Every structure is written in C-alpha cells, then in structure tokens.
Amino acid sequence: MYKIFVIEDDEKILNLIKDRLERYNYIVTTVKDYSNIKGEFIIENPHIVLLDINLPNYDGFFWCRELRSISKVPIIFISARFSDMDQVMAIENGGDDYIIKPFSFDLLLAKIKGAIRRTYGEYAENNTKDIYEVDGVYLYKNQSIVEWTGKKIELSKKEFSLLYILISNINEIVSREILLEELWDDVEFVDDNTLSVNIARLRKRLEDIGIYDTIQTKRGQGYSMIKTWD
C-alpha cells in the first residue's frame, strides 16, 4: 500500500481528500505541527506528498524546497491559486505537478496513479525509496548522508554503502567476503586491510554524530552492527 502525506490546513478539504483516498486503499497521513513539516515528512517517509501553497508559518514553496533537499518523492501541489506564475514557481521549487482547487477527485486520483507508475511502478528507473530509517537513524541514499538527532554527516560512497549493508542487517553478522564483494568490483586486487581501514573510518564518522561502539568486529567471521543509540 502506498502512503500519501497530505499538507493541507483547510480541515474540510483535508478530511475530504483523506476519506476519498482511504477508500482506494491508500494510507493517508497528515501534518500535526506546521512548523515541523520536514521533520514529520522524515518520520512518515511517504511515497507521495500533496502540498498546499497557503500554509501557516511558511508557504508551500518553502516546504517543497525543504523536502526536495532530502528526497525525490513526487510532490503534487493542490492550491486555489491559479495564476501561471504560481504554477511556474511550484515546478521551479521542486514540484512535480499542480492541481487547481476546486478539483475533480478523479483528476487527483489519476495524477497520483501516474506519479506512482513513474516513480515506483512500470515506468520507474529505480523503485527504492530515498530514505532508509532504523530506530531514528536516517540514511539519505541519494546524498550519502546519515542523520541522528538532527546531526548530519556526508559519507564517502564506500562508507555509505558499508553502513547501509550493516544497518540493513542489524544484529546479524555480515562476513568480510560479502562486504568486499558488495563494495569492490574485483576483490582479487583488494588488500585485506582495506576493509578494516574503511570500517575504522566509518566508526569515527558515526562518533561525530554521537553513535558509539555500534560496529563490532566478530573475529574470524566479519562485522555486526548493533543498536547502541537511544
């Protein structure tokens, strides 16, 4: 089931959208704190965003830029503002589509289905989601960034791949052979110490955001990542 994050402060319209989409088996989540839309987006990790322009605190253009800085999830603007300039600004700020209120629900549904096909379905180049989360640790795949309690660091490609493999298999031992094969095309020419060096670097980078002793060496077997953060 696909999750849709609706950012709309008009409760009547919000409830109408939520009710209709849920009838079509979509999971619909809504904003609780309009000053923390980006934070709620990260927690919800939706497949699609429906975004109004006129919102409390900051407008939809601002939040579109904020969401686009961390994700390529489809963003569809829904607004009563109908000028060409508003639609141009929506696209230039990172939006994928624009629907003018009042709108036909059939049109909204068609736009959502089209976005799903392009991003996750038959027309998608890569249907993996941009953000991977484990107990509050966020990995931004397209940027090689890891975040914990608001602190972010950008990792090298090898460091990020190493972290992703380990955290995807949290509490399990991942052999050195598997890690080498995943990270290097030709392991025959990789020095045995290379993996150890990369593990040491990754440990140090994680300490920079407050995560300590999470990657453990299993002598003769490989490495295991355990949850040491609260």
Foldseek 3Di string as FASTA:
>chain_A
DFEEEEEDDPVVVVVVLCVVVVVVVYHYHYDDDPVPPVVVCLVVLGQEYEAEADDPPHGRLVVQLVNVVQFLRAYEYEYQDDDPVVQVSCVVSRHDYYHHPPDDVVVVVVVVVVSCCCAQRDNHPDNDGQWDDDPQWIAGNVQCWIDHPHDIDHDDPLLSQLVVVQVVVAPDFDFPVNSLVSRDVDSVPPDPCVVVVSVVVSQVVVVVNPAHPQWDADPPGHIHGYDPDD
